[in-house]
Amino acid sequence: MSSKSHATLRYTAMRAGIFAGCLVVVAVLAYVGIIPEGIGKSNPLWVVLIALVISAPLSYVLLRKQRDEMSAQLVEGVDRAKQRIAANQGQEDGAA
């Protein structure tokens, strides 16, 4: 299989890895007291939201190549589906 055949899976795994790394870093910083832990019982939600806010721009910058490969893979899949639909419509038109 080509390297582009699993582009979506690779991008998703790398995106999840970046989020997990950010989550660990934010949780440690909150535990140590460098950043506030939240208000009342909102600590887990606060930590997750901060990790999301940090991981989004990191993923956007760091995963540009993987995102482009995933996009190319999706476009190829849509084009193949359109070709199959057109071929099936051609067969149906010929039978009528």
Protein backbone atom coordinates (compact mmCIF):
# COMPACT_ATOMS: atom_id res chain seq x y z
CA MET A 1 0.00 0.00 0.00
CA SER A 2 1.15 3.51 -0.68
CA SER A 3 1.98 5.95 2.09
CA LYS A 4 -1.09 8.01 1.19
CA SER A 5 -3.48 5.12 1.71
CA HIS A 6 -3.61 5.74 5.46
CA ALA A 7 -3.30 9.52 5.41
CA THR A 8 -6.54 10.13 7.31
CA LEU A 9 -5.67 7.62 10.01
CA ARG A 10 -2.15 9.02 10.34
CA TYR A 11 -3.41 12.62 10.57
CA THR A 12 -6.03 11.70 13.17
CA ALA A 13 -3.52 9.77 15.28
CA MET A 14 -1.00 12.59 15.14
CA ARG A 15 -3.68 15.14 16.02
CA ALA A 16 -4.76 13.03 19.00
CA GLY A 17 -1.11 12.68 20.05
CA ILE A 18 -0.57 16.42 20.01
CA PHE A 19 -3.73 16.91 22.08
CA ALA A 20 -2.67 14.22 24.56
CA GLY A 21 0.76 15.83 24.93
CA CYS A 22 -0.80 19.24 25.51
CA LEU A 23 -3.23 17.73 28.01
CA VAL A 24 -0.39 16.18 30.02
CA VAL A 25 1.61 19.42 30.00
CA VAL A 26 -1.40 21.52 31.06
CA ALA A 27 -2.37 19.02 33.76
CA VAL A 28 1.16 19.07 35.19
CA LEU A 29 1.25 22.88 35.09
CA ALA A 30 -2.11 23.02 36.89
CA TYR A 31 -0.99 20.47 39.47
CA VAL A 32 2.23 22.37 40.18
CA GLY A 33 0.29 25.62 40.45
CA ILE A 34 1.79 27.53 37.54
CA ILE A 35 -1.63 27.94 35.95
CA PRO A 36 -4.92 28.11 37.85
CA GLU A 37 -6.69 24.79 38.30
CA GLY A 38 -10.10 26.25 37.58
CA ILE A 39 -13.03 27.52 39.59
CA GLY A 40 -14.60 25.12 42.04
CA LYS A 41 -15.10 21.66 40.56
CA SER A 42 -14.33 22.74 36.97
CA ASN A 43 -10.70 21.57 37.07
CA PRO A 44 -11.01 18.69 34.53
CA LEU A 45 -13.02 20.79 32.09
CA TRP A 46 -10.67 23.76 32.49
CA VAL A 47 -7.59 21.63 31.82
CA VAL A 48 -9.17 19.99 28.75
CA LEU A 49 -10.26 23.35 27.31
CA ILE A 50 -6.80 24.87 27.76
CA ALA A 51 -5.25 21.79 26.12
CA LEU A 52 -7.67 22.12 23.18
CA VAL A 53 -6.85 25.80 22.74
CA ILE A 54 -3.12 25.08 22.76
CA SER A 55 -3.23 21.95 20.56
CA ALA A 56 -5.37 23.47 17.78
CA PRO A 57 -2.81 25.99 16.46
CA LEU A 58 0.03 23.52 17.05
CA SER A 59 -1.77 20.92 14.93
CA TYR A 60 -2.53 23.49 12.26
CA VAL A 61 1.15 24.40 11.91
CA LEU A 62 2.83 21.06 12.59
CA LEU A 63 0.51 18.80 10.58
CA ARG A 64 0.26 20.79 7.36
CA LYS A 65 1.87 18.06 5.25
CA GLN A 66 -0.33 15.31 6.71
CA ARG A 67 -3.45 17.46 6.23
CA ASP A 68 -2.56 18.00 2.57
CA GLU A 69 -2.02 14.25 2.07
CA MET A 70 -5.35 13.52 3.74
CA SER A 71 -7.08 16.06 1.53
CA ALA A 72 -5.58 14.49 -1.59
CA GLN A 73 -6.73 11.06 -0.42
CA LEU A 74 -10.27 12.30 0.15
CA VAL A 75 -10.40 14.02 -3.25
CA GLU A 76 -9.26 10.80 -4.96
CA GLY A 77 -11.97 8.85 -3.13
CA VAL A 78 -14.67 11.32 -4.12
CA ASP A 79 -13.49 11.25 -7.74
CA ARG A 80 -13.63 7.41 -7.79
CA ALA A 81 -17.13 7.49 -6.32
CA LYS A 82 -18.27 10.00 -8.97
CA GLN A 83 -16.83 7.80 -11.71
CA ARG A 84 -18.66 4.72 -10.35
CA ILE A 85 -21.93 6.65 -10.15
CA ALA A 86 -21.50 7.93 -13.70
CA ALA A 87 -20.72 4.40 -14.93
CA ASN A 88 -23.78 2.98 -13.16
CA GLN A 89 -25.99 5.71 -14.60
CA GLY A 90 -24.61 4.91 -18.06
CA GLN A 91 -25.52 1.25 -17.62
CA GLU A 92 -29.02 2.13 -16.45
CA ASP A 93 -29.55 4.51 -19.39
CA GLY A 94 -28.40 1.84 -21.84
CA ALA A 95 -30.78 -0.77 -20.39
CA ALA A 96 -33.88 1.44 -20.68
